[in-house]
Each structure stands twice: as structure tokens, then as C-alpha cells.
Amino acid sequence: MVTAAITPSVLARISGIGPYFAVATGACPPGGRFRPMTELYGDSDALAECLRVVAGRLGTDQPRVAASTLHLGTASRLWSIALAGAALTGRVPDLGPDRLWWRLPASGPPDLWLPDPREVDQEPLPALRHTVAVRNLTAWADAVRRVSGVSPHTLRGNAASALVGAHRVLIAREPHAPYPVIPLVHALLDRPPLAGAGTCRPTPAGPLAFRRRNCCLYYRVPGAGICGDCVLNPKETAS
């Protein structure tokens, strides 16, 4: 099967799948205030301020809860965009942190802006691992742990849970995508840095069922519950 390039029109289609798949391209979107992704990973003061804002929105005085929530949401955004590119085109967008920009919106995880889209010059599996797991999530986990003290096991579980969640939405919204993603997701969960984050198995409906070995701490947010894939959930779900 011939693959297609990652273009602004492809990313516009990906953005239409759902909120976590959205990524702006071209000129800076209205409202500005975007900053390089490298700053989120490398500037502890900037990240600490971001976490204070997130904690206020969540209504929690526990920095680790805010940090884990922001980490999970950001990982979900990155995996969603990259995995959708693989499913729709057979190629993976280059989400290198030196090319990607972010801003914190009024609610939800960071908005993302990729001014000049291009694809990673690798096959989908190594491309996904390289552009998301290695170049982004390794640095992102280091930054969050440095500022908040969240356990590396929790952060690895977040990254795996975000990947599984992204593939479930993608399968539901793009059931006829030409390139299968389940084998990619399964292979990523078997490789570092996600290996050991949880257990997964196929389901009759198609998407993988996943159960992580730790908790993202979101249940500590006032009024929140336990996630479907949480180790604290007595009943395994396919989420």
C-alpha cells in the first residue's frame, strides 16, 4: 500500500477526530501565547507555574495530582496525533519538541501548534516510538518528576494508558482507516519505555483491553472517580 505524506490537510482531518487529536499548523493560531515545547520540558519555573494553574482548576492542593493529570493529558495529545497519522497515511508526523509549540487553554490539556508539518523518515512503529516515547515523553516524564516528585512508575503508566485511550478513540471514529493500529499499540506496550506499565489483551470488539499497574492519582480530585484501567478498579474494563 502506498503511503501518503503528512500535510496540513492531513493534520486538519486528524484534528477533526476529536479534541485530543487537534493540532494547528501554519501561522500562529488566534490568541497566540504559544511557547516552545522544549520550554515545557526544560524550564522548571515555567512548568511549576503551569502546574499551579492546573491545580487551581482541578480544585486540589496536591501538586502531584495536578502534575500527573497534566502529564497524562499531554501524553494523550501526542499519542493521538501521531497514531492517527499512522492509521490514516502510513506515516507519522514529526512531533519533535524543537518543532512543536504549546499553550495552556482555559480548560483541558495543552493546545499544540506544529508550524511546518513533516513526517518522520521511518516505518510507523519506530517512528511512533521515536517521536513520541523517546523525544517527548522521556523528557516530559523527567521534567514532571523533577518539579513534582511523581513516581516514574505512575508516569510510565500514564504514557501507556494515554496510548491505549488514543487507539480506542481512533478505532471508534475512523473504523475504516487503511492502516491497522492495534499491532502498533501492542508492540509499543511491549517495548521500553512502556514495557511493564500494565497488561493488555485483545477483545472481540477489536480495541485492546488494558489494565495499568498503578494509579494516575486523578481519583484524588474532588468529585472524581477511578479510571477504567486503574489498578484500584476491581473490575477490568476495555478502556
Protein backbone atom coordinates (compact mmCIF):
# COMPACT_ATOMS: atom_id res chain seq x y z
CA MET A 1 0.00 0.00 0.00
CA VAL A 2 1.36 3.43 -0.96
CA THR A 3 1.73 5.79 1.97
CA ALA A 4 0.71 9.46 1.95
CA ALA A 5 2.63 12.48 3.19
CA ILE A 6 1.83 14.32 6.41
CA THR A 7 0.44 17.62 5.15
CA PRO A 8 -1.61 20.42 6.74
CA SER A 9 -4.74 18.95 5.17
CA VAL A 10 -3.98 15.54 6.71
CA LEU A 11 -3.47 17.13 10.12
CA ALA A 12 -6.72 19.06 9.67
CA ARG A 13 -8.51 15.75 9.12
CA ILE A 14 -6.77 14.30 12.17
CA SER A 15 -7.83 17.33 14.21
CA GLY A 16 -11.45 16.60 13.33
CA ILE A 17 -11.34 13.19 15.01
CA GLY A 18 -11.66 14.70 18.47
CA PRO A 19 -10.24 17.30 20.89
CA TYR A 20 -7.16 15.29 21.80
CA PHE A 21 -6.27 14.90 18.11
CA ALA A 22 -6.27 18.63 17.39
CA VAL A 23 -3.08 20.31 16.20
CA ALA A 24 -2.80 23.68 14.49
CA THR A 25 -0.50 24.22 11.51
CA GLY A 26 0.79 27.18 9.52
CA ALA A 27 0.53 30.66 11.02
CA CYS A 28 0.18 31.06 14.78
CA PRO A 29 -3.44 30.43 15.81
CA PRO A 30 -5.57 33.30 17.16
CA GLY A 31 -4.78 34.25 20.72
CA GLY A 32 -1.08 33.50 20.43
CA ARG A 33 0.72 32.76 23.72
CA PHE A 34 2.32 29.61 22.32
CA ARG A 35 5.72 28.63 23.67
CA PRO A 36 8.26 26.02 22.51
CA MET A 37 7.69 22.51 23.80
CA THR A 38 11.34 22.46 24.81
CA GLU A 39 10.49 25.14 27.40
CA LEU A 40 7.82 22.95 29.00
CA TYR A 41 10.41 20.20 29.35
CA GLY A 42 13.43 22.30 30.28
CA ASP A 43 12.20 25.29 32.30
CA SER A 44 11.26 24.13 35.80
CA ASP A 45 9.85 27.53 36.77
CA ALA A 46 7.55 27.62 33.73
CA LEU A 47 6.34 24.10 34.44
CA ALA A 48 5.80 24.86 38.13
CA GLU A 49 3.63 27.85 37.22
CA CYS A 50 1.69 25.70 34.76
CA LEU A 51 1.08 23.12 37.49
CA ARG A 52 -0.19 25.82 39.87
CA VAL A 53 -2.76 26.84 37.26
CA VAL A 54 -3.82 23.23 36.67
CA ALA A 55 -4.10 22.57 40.42
CA GLY A 56 -6.35 25.59 40.79
CA ARG A 57 -8.62 24.41 38.01
CA LEU A 58 -8.85 20.93 39.48
CA GLY A 59 -9.53 22.28 42.97
CA THR A 60 -6.68 20.30 44.52
CA ASP A 61 -3.88 21.34 46.85
CA GLN A 62 -1.85 18.25 45.95
CA PRO A 63 0.87 19.14 43.41
CA ARG A 64 1.42 15.51 42.42
CA VAL A 65 -2.22 15.16 41.38
CA ALA A 66 -2.04 18.23 39.16
CA ALA A 67 1.28 17.10 37.71
CA SER A 68 0.07 13.59 36.89
CA THR A 69 -3.13 14.93 35.34
CA LEU A 70 -1.23 17.37 33.12
CA HIS A 71 1.28 14.68 32.20
CA LEU A 72 -1.46 12.22 31.20
CA GLY A 73 -3.37 14.80 29.16
CA THR A 74 -0.26 15.90 27.29
CA ALA A 75 0.74 12.30 26.57
CA SER A 76 -2.76 11.65 25.25
CA ARG A 77 -2.49 14.60 22.85
CA LEU A 78 0.88 13.46 21.50
CA TRP A 79 -0.11 9.81 21.05
CA SER A 80 -3.45 10.72 19.46
CA ILE A 81 -1.95 12.91 16.75
CA ALA A 82 0.93 10.56 15.96
CA LEU A 83 -1.16 7.39 15.96
CA ALA A 84 -3.84 8.95 13.75
CA GLY A 85 -1.17 9.89 11.24
CA ALA A 86 -0.01 6.28 11.14
CA ALA A 87 -3.58 4.98 10.76
CA LEU A 88 -4.65 7.36 8.00
CA THR A 89 -1.47 7.72 5.95
CA GLY A 90 1.01 5.03 6.99
CA ARG A 91 3.33 7.85 8.06
CA VAL A 92 3.95 9.53 11.42
CA PRO A 93 4.12 13.30 11.90
CA ASP A 94 7.38 14.64 13.30
CA LEU A 95 6.41 15.94 16.75
CA GLY A 96 9.94 16.71 17.86
CA PRO A 97 9.87 19.14 20.81
CA ASP A 98 12.09 21.54 18.89
CA ARG A 99 9.35 21.84 16.25
CA LEU A 100 6.21 21.72 18.42
CA TRP A 101 4.68 24.61 20.40
CA TRP A 102 2.17 24.58 23.28
CA ARG A 103 -0.12 26.81 25.30
CA LEU A 104 -2.40 26.09 28.24
CA PRO A 105 -6.04 26.75 27.29
CA ALA A 106 -8.86 27.74 29.63
CA SER A 107 -9.51 24.05 30.29
CA GLY A 108 -8.09 20.70 29.30
CA PRO A 109 -4.60 19.65 28.22
CA PRO A 110 -2.24 21.96 26.28
CA ASP A 111 -3.11 23.19 22.82
CA LEU A 112 -0.48 22.16 20.25
CA TRP A 113 0.83 24.03 17.20
CA LEU A 114 3.07 22.50 14.54
CA PRO A 115 4.01 25.38 12.21
CA ASP A 116 5.71 23.31 9.50
CA PRO A 117 4.43 19.71 9.32
CA ARG A 118 6.61 16.88 8.08
CA GLU A 119 6.83 13.15 8.69
CA VAL A 120 9.40 11.03 10.47
CA ASP A 121 11.56 9.19 7.94
CA GLN A 122 10.99 5.75 9.46
CA GLU A 123 8.44 2.96 9.40
CA PRO A 124 5.40 3.61 11.65
CA LEU A 125 6.49 1.57 14.69
CA PRO A 126 9.99 3.04 15.15
CA ALA A 127 8.66 6.45 14.11
CA LEU A 128 5.96 6.42 16.79
CA ARG A 129 8.40 5.28 19.44
CA HIS A 130 11.00 7.86 18.40
CA THR A 131 8.85 10.96 18.01
CA VAL A 132 6.51 10.39 20.98
CA ALA A 133 8.03 7.99 23.51
CA VAL A 134 11.70 8.92 23.16
CA ARG A 135 11.82 12.56 22.07
CA ASN A 136 8.79 13.77 24.03
CA LEU A 137 7.62 11.50 26.82
CA THR A 138 11.07 10.69 28.20
CA ALA A 139 11.89 14.38 28.60
CA TRP A 140 8.34 15.14 29.76
CA ALA A 141 8.48 12.50 32.49
CA ASP A 142 11.89 13.77 33.65
CA ALA A 143 10.55 17.32 33.87
CA VAL A 144 7.37 16.37 35.76
CA ARG A 145 9.27 14.16 38.17
CA ARG A 146 11.86 16.88 38.79
CA VAL A 147 9.24 19.53 39.61
CA SER A 148 6.59 17.46 41.40
CA GLY A 149 8.12 14.18 42.55
CA VAL A 150 5.55 11.99 40.78
CA SER A 151 6.74 8.38 40.65
CA PRO A 152 8.33 7.23 37.38
CA HIS A 153 6.07 4.15 37.56
CA THR A 154 3.00 6.40 37.60
CA LEU A 155 4.32 8.40 34.66
CA ARG A 156 5.05 5.24 32.66
CA GLY A 157 1.52 4.05 33.41
CA ASN A 158 0.16 7.40 32.26
CA ALA A 159 2.04 7.14 28.96
CA ALA A 160 0.74 3.62 28.33
CA SER A 161 -2.82 4.49 29.34
CA ALA A 162 -2.75 7.53 27.05
CA LEU A 163 -1.67 5.36 24.11
CA VAL A 164 -4.43 2.81 24.71
CA GLY A 165 -7.03 5.56 25.09
CA ALA A 166 -5.91 7.18 21.84
CA HIS A 167 -6.22 3.96 19.87
CA ARG A 168 -9.71 3.30 21.24
CA VAL A 169 -10.99 6.71 20.14
CA LEU A 170 -9.26 6.35 16.78
CA ILE A 171 -10.83 2.95 16.09
CA ALA A 172 -14.26 4.27 17.07
CA ARG A 173 -14.03 7.45 14.98
CA GLU A 174 -12.05 6.09 11.99
CA PRO A 175 -13.10 2.43 11.78
CA HIS A 176 -12.09 2.19 8.11
CA ALA A 177 -8.63 3.73 8.40
CA PRO A 178 -6.39 1.95 5.87
CA TYR A 179 -3.54 1.13 8.25
CA PRO A 180 -4.21 -1.03 11.36
CA VAL A 181 -3.09 0.45 14.67
CA ILE A 182 -3.67 -2.42 17.10
CA PRO A 183 -0.42 -4.19 16.18
CA LEU A 184 1.45 -0.90 16.60
CA VAL A 185 -0.06 -0.25 20.02
CA HIS A 186 0.62 -3.78 21.20
CA ALA A 187 4.24 -3.57 20.04
CA LEU A 188 4.75 -0.19 21.72
CA LEU A 189 3.40 -1.55 25.01
CA ASP A 190 5.94 -4.37 24.80
CA ARG A 191 8.92 -2.06 24.30
CA PRO A 192 10.69 0.43 26.59
CA PRO A 193 9.76 2.89 27.91
CA LEU A 194 6.20 1.48 28.14
CA ALA A 195 7.10 -2.15 28.83
CA GLY A 196 5.81 -3.29 32.21
CA ALA A 197 3.29 -0.47 32.59
CA GLY A 198 0.34 -2.87 32.55
CA THR A 199 -1.26 -5.83 30.89
CA CYS A 200 -3.22 -5.84 27.66
CA ARG A 201 -5.21 -8.34 25.65
CA PRO A 202 -7.40 -8.29 22.52
CA THR A 203 -11.16 -8.04 22.82
CA PRO A 204 -13.91 -9.33 20.50
CA ALA A 205 -14.81 -5.73 19.61
CA GLY A 206 -11.29 -5.01 18.40
CA PRO A 207 -9.55 -2.50 20.69
CA LEU A 208 -7.09 -3.76 23.26
CA ALA A 209 -8.19 -4.11 26.88
CA PHE A 210 -5.60 -2.61 29.19
CA ARG A 211 -5.09 -2.58 32.95
CA ARG A 212 -2.27 -0.50 34.33
CA ARG A 213 -0.21 -1.49 37.34
CA ASN A 214 -0.58 1.83 39.15
CA CYS A 215 -2.87 4.82 39.54
CA CYS A 216 -2.74 8.25 37.86
CA LEU A 217 -3.99 9.87 41.13
CA TYR A 218 -6.96 11.53 39.45
CA TYR A 219 -9.34 9.94 41.96
CA ARG A 220 -7.96 12.47 44.47
CA VAL A 221 -9.53 15.36 42.55
CA PRO A 222 -12.71 16.49 44.33
CA GLY A 223 -15.69 14.74 42.76
CA ALA A 224 -13.60 12.46 40.54
CA GLY A 225 -13.78 8.69 40.34
CA ILE A 226 -11.46 5.84 39.40
CA CYS A 227 -10.42 5.36 35.77
CA GLY A 228 -11.49 2.20 33.97
CA ASP A 229 -7.94 0.89 33.54
CA CYS A 230 -6.76 1.75 37.06
CA VAL A 231 -5.15 -0.84 39.31
CA LEU A 232 -7.59 0.34 42.00
CA ASN A 233 -10.58 -0.62 39.87
CA PRO A 234 -11.75 -4.08 41.00
CA LYS A 235 -13.29 -4.77 37.60
CA GLU A 236 -11.12 -4.82 34.47
CA THR A 237 -12.52 -2.81 31.58
CA ALA A 238 -11.51 -2.37 27.98
CA SER A 239 -10.55 1.27 28.45
